[in-house]
Amino acid sequence: MTQTEKHLTFEDHNRDVTGMTYVYPVVSRRSEGVSIGINLNTNSACNWACVYCQVPNLQRGKAPLTDLSLLRQELFTMLDQVVNGDFMARFVDPELRRLNDIAFSGNGEPTSAKLFPEAVAIAEEALAFYGLTQQVKIVVITNGSFSHQPRVQRAFQSMAKKGLAEIWFKCDRGDKEDILRINQVNLDPELMVTRLTQVATLCPTWIQTCMVSWDTLPPSEREITSWLNILEKALQHSLPLKGVLLYSLARPSYQPDASRIGRLSEEWLNQLAKRVELLGLKVKVTP
């Protein structure tokens, strides 16, 4: 590996830290340990362009064709260094030396990759090889825009059947105008609920929400209410949601409106969390 001798931090999620094409390790605030990331969007292309996105040179589009042989080689190499090598001792602070997950995240929407199911199968194979199937999760962070496709649904079903697995479903706002401003996509909130339903019935699912200030002001009561309405509609569908992952900015955005957004306080997030809990959902707050 081409890593420099420094410990990984919450603030640095550099995709190039290993010198690999697809695989990169991070220490994750939400995982409270090491997450092995898989970046299928090596062209930094995504069909959304969230205002808080930390990917430089983000462009609109889908993931390129995945080199499955290279992905397999890199993932097995990374896992071997974590499980059998000195990776943890060299690069991770003692209190975070725990492998929590393999996460499909990276520089864009991972399910846009044509070979996404095959990539998931490689992750399943690698965990089984190292005897980690019941210890380390596979996590897919998704905006749900490809959740209607049979190939994506098959991958989610396989994840749920073969071991520990979670979907983190992006839902930052609940009004069409707000979704356009924050996620830069025209999306009807009802379609978001439909996509969430498709995902949550296949695999254990968290709703992932990034709340940010806009021009120094926190989200308005109207914004909060419309977002809570999305959660209520999901509960009306009796979806088996694990809860809500609620967070704010940790690292700087590289998007055009980056100067207009800001980090919200832990106190503000906790107050919102209480309103979510009143709906009957578990909340994990990461300020």
Protein backbone atom coordinates (compact mmCIF):
# COMPACT_ATOMS: atom_id res chain seq x y z
CA MET A 1 0.00 0.00 0.00
CA THR A 2 1.05 3.59 -0.51
CA GLN A 3 -0.36 4.96 2.73
CA THR A 4 1.65 7.45 4.66
CA GLU A 5 2.33 6.64 8.29
CA LYS A 6 -0.52 8.53 9.88
CA HIS A 7 -3.68 7.43 11.63
CA LEU A 8 -7.01 7.65 9.86
CA THR A 9 -9.37 10.34 11.15
CA PHE A 10 -13.09 11.12 11.00
CA GLU A 11 -12.28 14.24 8.97
CA ASP A 12 -10.21 12.53 6.26
CA HIS A 13 -12.05 10.11 3.97
CA ASN A 14 -9.55 10.29 1.13
CA ARG A 15 -10.47 7.63 -1.46
CA ASP A 16 -6.83 7.43 -2.60
CA VAL A 17 -5.33 6.62 0.78
CA THR A 18 -4.50 2.99 -0.17
CA GLY A 19 -3.49 3.60 -3.75
CA MET A 20 -6.25 1.18 -4.79
CA THR A 21 -8.88 1.82 -7.45
CA TYR A 22 -12.02 0.62 -5.68
CA VAL A 23 -11.21 -0.07 -2.03
CA TYR A 24 -10.38 2.42 0.71
CA PRO A 25 -10.47 2.25 4.53
CA VAL A 26 -11.94 4.97 6.75
CA VAL A 27 -12.70 5.41 10.41
CA SER A 28 -16.38 6.21 10.53
CA ARG A 29 -18.21 8.35 13.08
CA ARG A 30 -21.40 6.38 12.60
CA SER A 31 -19.71 2.97 12.60
CA GLU A 32 -17.46 3.87 15.56
CA GLY A 33 -14.74 1.79 13.99
CA VAL A 34 -13.15 0.90 10.67
CA SER A 35 -15.23 0.77 7.52
CA ILE A 36 -13.83 -0.66 4.31
CA GLY A 37 -15.32 1.47 1.56
CA ILE A 38 -15.99 0.30 -1.97
CA ASN A 39 -16.13 3.07 -4.56
CA LEU A 40 -17.74 1.80 -7.77
CA ASN A 41 -18.11 5.38 -9.04
CA THR A 42 -14.47 5.87 -9.95
CA ASN A 43 -15.50 8.55 -12.47
CA SER A 44 -16.98 10.67 -9.62
CA ALA A 45 -20.37 10.52 -11.35
CA CYS A 46 -23.69 10.50 -9.55
CA ASN A 47 -27.29 11.04 -10.60
CA TRP A 48 -27.73 13.35 -7.58
CA ALA A 49 -25.55 16.34 -6.60
CA CYS A 50 -26.20 16.89 -2.91
CA VAL A 51 -25.17 20.31 -1.68
CA TYR A 52 -23.10 18.81 1.15
CA CYS A 53 -21.27 16.25 -1.03
CA GLN A 54 -17.56 15.99 -0.25
CA VAL A 55 -16.56 14.62 -3.66
CA PRO A 56 -14.43 17.06 -5.70
CA ASN A 57 -15.18 17.38 -9.42
CA LEU A 58 -18.53 15.67 -9.03
CA GLN A 59 -20.35 15.15 -12.33
CA ARG A 60 -23.79 13.85 -13.30
CA GLY A 61 -23.97 10.28 -14.56
CA LYS A 62 -23.64 6.63 -13.61
CA ALA A 63 -20.76 4.44 -12.50
CA PRO A 64 -18.48 3.03 -15.20
CA LEU A 65 -18.16 -0.70 -15.82
CA THR A 66 -16.55 -2.38 -12.82
CA ASP A 67 -13.36 -4.43 -13.17
CA LEU A 68 -14.53 -7.30 -10.98
CA SER A 69 -11.14 -9.06 -10.92
CA LEU A 70 -9.42 -5.93 -9.67
CA LEU A 71 -12.15 -5.28 -7.11
CA ARG A 72 -11.85 -8.82 -5.79
CA GLN A 73 -8.05 -8.60 -5.59
CA GLU A 74 -8.17 -5.26 -3.75
CA LEU A 75 -10.86 -6.28 -1.28
CA PHE A 76 -9.15 -9.54 -0.35
CA THR A 77 -5.82 -7.69 0.02
CA MET A 78 -7.39 -5.05 2.26
CA LEU A 79 -9.19 -7.60 4.44
CA ASP A 80 -6.04 -9.68 4.79
CA GLN A 81 -4.12 -6.63 6.01
CA VAL A 82 -6.87 -5.83 8.51
CA VAL A 83 -7.43 -9.39 9.75
CA ASN A 84 -3.93 -10.90 9.51
CA GLY A 85 -1.64 -7.91 9.08
CA ASP A 86 -0.67 -4.83 11.07
CA PHE A 87 -3.07 -2.37 9.43
CA MET A 88 -5.00 -1.63 12.63
CA ALA A 89 -1.88 -1.08 14.70
CA ARG A 90 -0.28 1.19 12.11
CA PHE A 91 -3.20 3.35 11.03
CA VAL A 92 -6.04 3.22 13.57
CA ASP A 93 -6.27 4.63 17.09
CA PRO A 94 -6.63 1.87 19.72
CA GLU A 95 -10.23 2.70 20.65
CA LEU A 96 -11.34 2.37 17.00
CA ARG A 97 -9.60 -0.90 16.10
CA ARG A 98 -12.80 -2.71 15.20
CA LEU A 99 -13.84 -3.71 11.68
CA ASN A 100 -17.50 -2.75 11.45
CA ASP A 101 -18.50 -3.06 7.81
CA ILE A 102 -17.82 -3.16 4.10
CA ALA A 103 -19.66 -0.10 2.77
CA PHE A 104 -20.70 0.57 -0.81
CA SER A 105 -20.51 4.35 -0.86
CA GLY A 106 -17.69 6.19 -2.58
CA ASN A 107 -18.03 8.96 -5.16
CA GLY A 108 -21.59 8.42 -6.39
CA GLU A 109 -24.68 6.24 -6.32
CA PRO A 110 -23.31 2.67 -6.03
CA THR A 111 -26.42 0.93 -7.35
CA SER A 112 -25.99 2.77 -10.67
CA ALA A 113 -23.12 0.36 -11.42
CA LYS A 114 -24.24 -2.24 -13.97
CA LEU A 115 -22.32 -4.95 -12.09
CA PHE A 116 -23.45 -3.87 -8.61
CA PRO A 117 -24.90 -7.35 -7.81
CA GLU A 118 -21.61 -8.99 -8.79
CA ALA A 119 -19.70 -6.53 -6.63
CA VAL A 120 -21.95 -7.36 -3.67
CA ALA A 121 -21.30 -11.05 -4.30
CA ILE A 122 -17.55 -10.40 -4.09
CA ALA A 123 -18.02 -8.68 -0.72
CA GLU A 124 -20.07 -11.66 0.49
CA GLU A 125 -17.37 -14.04 -0.73
CA ALA A 126 -14.60 -12.10 0.99
CA LEU A 127 -16.39 -11.98 4.34
CA ALA A 128 -17.11 -15.70 4.15
CA PHE A 129 -13.47 -16.48 3.33
CA TYR A 130 -12.25 -14.65 6.43
CA GLY A 131 -15.01 -16.02 8.65
CA LEU A 132 -16.58 -12.58 9.14
CA THR A 133 -20.07 -13.13 7.74
CA GLN A 134 -21.75 -12.91 11.14
CA GLN A 135 -19.44 -10.21 12.51
CA VAL A 136 -19.01 -7.61 9.76
CA LYS A 137 -21.92 -5.98 7.94
CA ILE A 138 -22.31 -5.13 4.29
CA VAL A 139 -23.75 -1.60 4.08
CA VAL A 140 -25.10 0.09 0.97
CA ILE A 141 -25.56 3.86 1.13
CA THR A 142 -28.10 4.72 -1.55
CA ASN A 143 -30.52 7.38 -2.74
CA GLY A 144 -32.85 4.60 -3.84
CA SER A 145 -33.14 5.77 -7.43
CA PHE A 146 -32.40 2.30 -8.85
CA SER A 147 -34.35 0.34 -6.23
CA HIS A 148 -37.02 -0.64 -8.77
CA GLN A 149 -34.52 -2.58 -10.88
CA PRO A 150 -34.59 -6.38 -10.42
CA ARG A 151 -30.78 -6.63 -10.39
CA VAL A 152 -30.56 -4.22 -7.44
CA GLN A 153 -33.40 -5.94 -5.61
CA ARG A 154 -31.69 -9.32 -6.03
CA ALA A 155 -28.49 -7.90 -4.54
CA PHE A 156 -30.36 -6.51 -1.53
CA GLN A 157 -32.14 -9.83 -0.98
CA SER A 158 -28.85 -11.71 -1.16
CA MET A 159 -27.25 -9.39 1.39
CA ALA A 160 -30.12 -9.95 3.83
CA LYS A 161 -30.05 -13.73 3.44
CA LYS A 162 -26.31 -14.36 3.63
CA GLY A 163 -25.24 -12.33 6.66
CA LEU A 164 -25.38 -9.01 8.42
CA ALA A 165 -26.58 -6.28 6.08
CA GLU A 166 -28.02 -2.78 6.11
CA ILE A 167 -29.27 -0.25 3.60
CA TRP A 168 -28.78 3.42 4.49
CA PHE A 169 -31.47 5.18 2.49
CA LYS A 170 -30.92 8.88 1.83
CA CYS A 171 -33.82 11.13 2.82
CA ASP A 172 -32.74 14.67 3.64
CA ARG A 173 -35.97 16.60 3.06
CA GLY A 174 -39.65 15.89 2.50
CA ASP A 175 -40.82 18.65 0.16
CA LYS A 176 -40.13 18.68 -3.60
CA GLU A 177 -38.69 22.20 -3.51
CA ASP A 178 -36.43 21.39 -0.56
CA ILE A 179 -35.25 18.14 -2.15
CA LEU A 180 -34.30 20.07 -5.29
CA ARG A 181 -32.32 22.62 -3.25
CA ILE A 182 -30.49 20.10 -1.07
CA ASN A 183 -30.11 17.09 -3.39
CA GLN A 184 -30.28 18.86 -6.77
CA VAL A 185 -32.86 16.43 -8.14
CA ASN A 186 -36.52 16.70 -9.12
CA LEU A 187 -38.17 14.08 -6.94
CA ASP A 188 -41.74 13.74 -5.78
CA PRO A 189 -41.82 12.86 -2.06
CA GLU A 190 -44.36 10.12 -2.79
CA LEU A 191 -41.87 8.45 -5.11
CA MET A 192 -39.29 8.63 -2.33
CA VAL A 193 -41.69 6.72 -0.06
CA THR A 194 -42.26 4.17 -2.84
CA ARG A 195 -38.53 3.64 -3.23
CA LEU A 196 -38.06 3.37 0.51
CA THR A 197 -40.79 0.73 0.58
CA GLN A 198 -39.07 -1.25 -2.16
CA VAL A 199 -35.79 -1.23 -0.27
CA ALA A 200 -36.96 -1.77 3.31
CA THR A 201 -39.00 -4.86 2.44
CA LEU A 202 -35.88 -6.54 1.04
CA CYS A 203 -33.16 -5.71 3.56
CA PRO A 204 -32.85 -4.05 7.01
CA THR A 205 -32.95 -0.31 6.36
CA TRP A 206 -32.01 2.91 8.13
CA ILE A 207 -33.13 6.30 6.90
CA GLN A 208 -30.01 8.47 6.57
CA THR A 209 -30.54 12.22 6.93
CA CYS A 210 -28.04 15.05 6.68
CA MET A 211 -29.37 18.28 8.18
CA VAL A 212 -27.47 21.49 7.43
CA SER A 213 -28.02 25.20 7.93
CA TRP A 214 -28.67 27.38 4.86
CA ASP A 215 -27.35 30.94 4.85
CA THR A 216 -26.64 30.48 8.59
CA LEU A 217 -30.26 29.51 9.36
CA PRO A 218 -31.30 26.02 10.49
CA PRO A 219 -34.06 24.17 8.60
CA SER A 220 -37.42 25.89 9.04
CA GLU A 221 -40.37 24.34 10.85
CA ARG A 222 -41.99 23.77 7.44
CA GLU A 223 -38.92 21.82 6.26
CA ILE A 224 -38.83 19.74 9.42
CA THR A 225 -42.56 18.99 9.30
CA SER A 226 -42.46 17.85 5.66
CA TRP A 227 -39.49 15.60 6.44
CA LEU A 228 -41.28 14.12 9.47
CA ASN A 229 -44.26 13.49 7.20
CA ILE A 230 -42.08 11.21 5.07
CA LEU A 231 -41.21 9.18 8.17
CA GLU A 232 -44.87 9.01 9.17
CA LYS A 233 -45.88 7.76 5.71
CA ALA A 234 -43.20 5.09 5.89
CA LEU A 235 -44.56 3.94 9.24
CA GLN A 236 -48.07 3.88 7.80
CA HIS A 237 -46.76 1.33 5.31
CA SER A 238 -45.65 -0.76 8.31
CA LEU A 239 -42.08 -0.80 7.02
CA PRO A 240 -39.63 -2.62 9.31
CA LEU A 241 -37.27 0.36 9.57
CA LYS A 242 -34.31 0.13 11.92
CA GLY A 243 -34.48 3.86 12.57
CA VAL A 244 -32.93 7.15 11.51
CA LEU A 245 -29.25 8.06 11.18
CA LEU A 246 -29.28 11.79 11.81
CA TYR A 247 -26.14 13.83 11.24
CA SER A 248 -24.71 17.13 10.05
CA LEU A 249 -21.53 18.22 8.28
CA ALA A 250 -18.21 16.68 9.30
CA ARG A 251 -16.05 17.60 6.31
CA PRO A 252 -16.20 20.47 3.81
CA SER A 253 -18.45 20.27 0.77
CA TYR A 254 -16.94 20.69 -2.69
CA GLN A 255 -20.19 21.72 -4.37
CA PRO A 256 -21.07 25.18 -5.80
CA ASP A 257 -23.31 26.16 -2.86
CA ALA A 258 -20.87 24.95 -0.20
CA SER A 259 -20.49 28.45 1.22
CA ARG A 260 -24.22 28.61 1.95
CA ILE A 261 -24.41 25.55 4.20
CA GLY A 262 -23.13 24.97 7.72
CA ARG A 263 -22.90 22.45 10.51
CA LEU A 264 -25.77 22.22 12.99
CA SER A 265 -25.16 21.83 16.70
CA GLU A 266 -25.53 18.60 18.59
CA GLU A 267 -28.24 20.28 20.68
CA TRP A 268 -30.27 21.11 17.57
CA LEU A 269 -29.94 17.56 16.24
CA ASN A 270 -30.94 16.08 19.60
CA GLN A 271 -34.08 18.23 19.67
CA LEU A 272 -35.06 16.93 16.25
CA ALA A 273 -34.25 13.39 17.34
CA LYS A 274 -36.78 13.68 20.15
CA ARG A 275 -39.50 14.47 17.62
CA VAL A 276 -38.52 11.43 15.57
CA GLU A 277 -38.58 9.21 18.64
CA LEU A 278 -42.15 10.36 19.33
CA LEU A 279 -43.07 8.71 16.04
CA GLY A 280 -41.73 5.43 17.37
CA LEU A 281 -38.43 5.33 15.51
CA LYS A 282 -34.97 4.81 16.97
CA VAL A 283 -32.51 7.63 16.24
CA LYS A 284 -28.71 7.68 16.16
CA VAL A 285 -27.35 11.23 16.26
CA THR A 286 -23.90 12.02 14.89
CA PRO A 287 -23.18 15.76 15.21
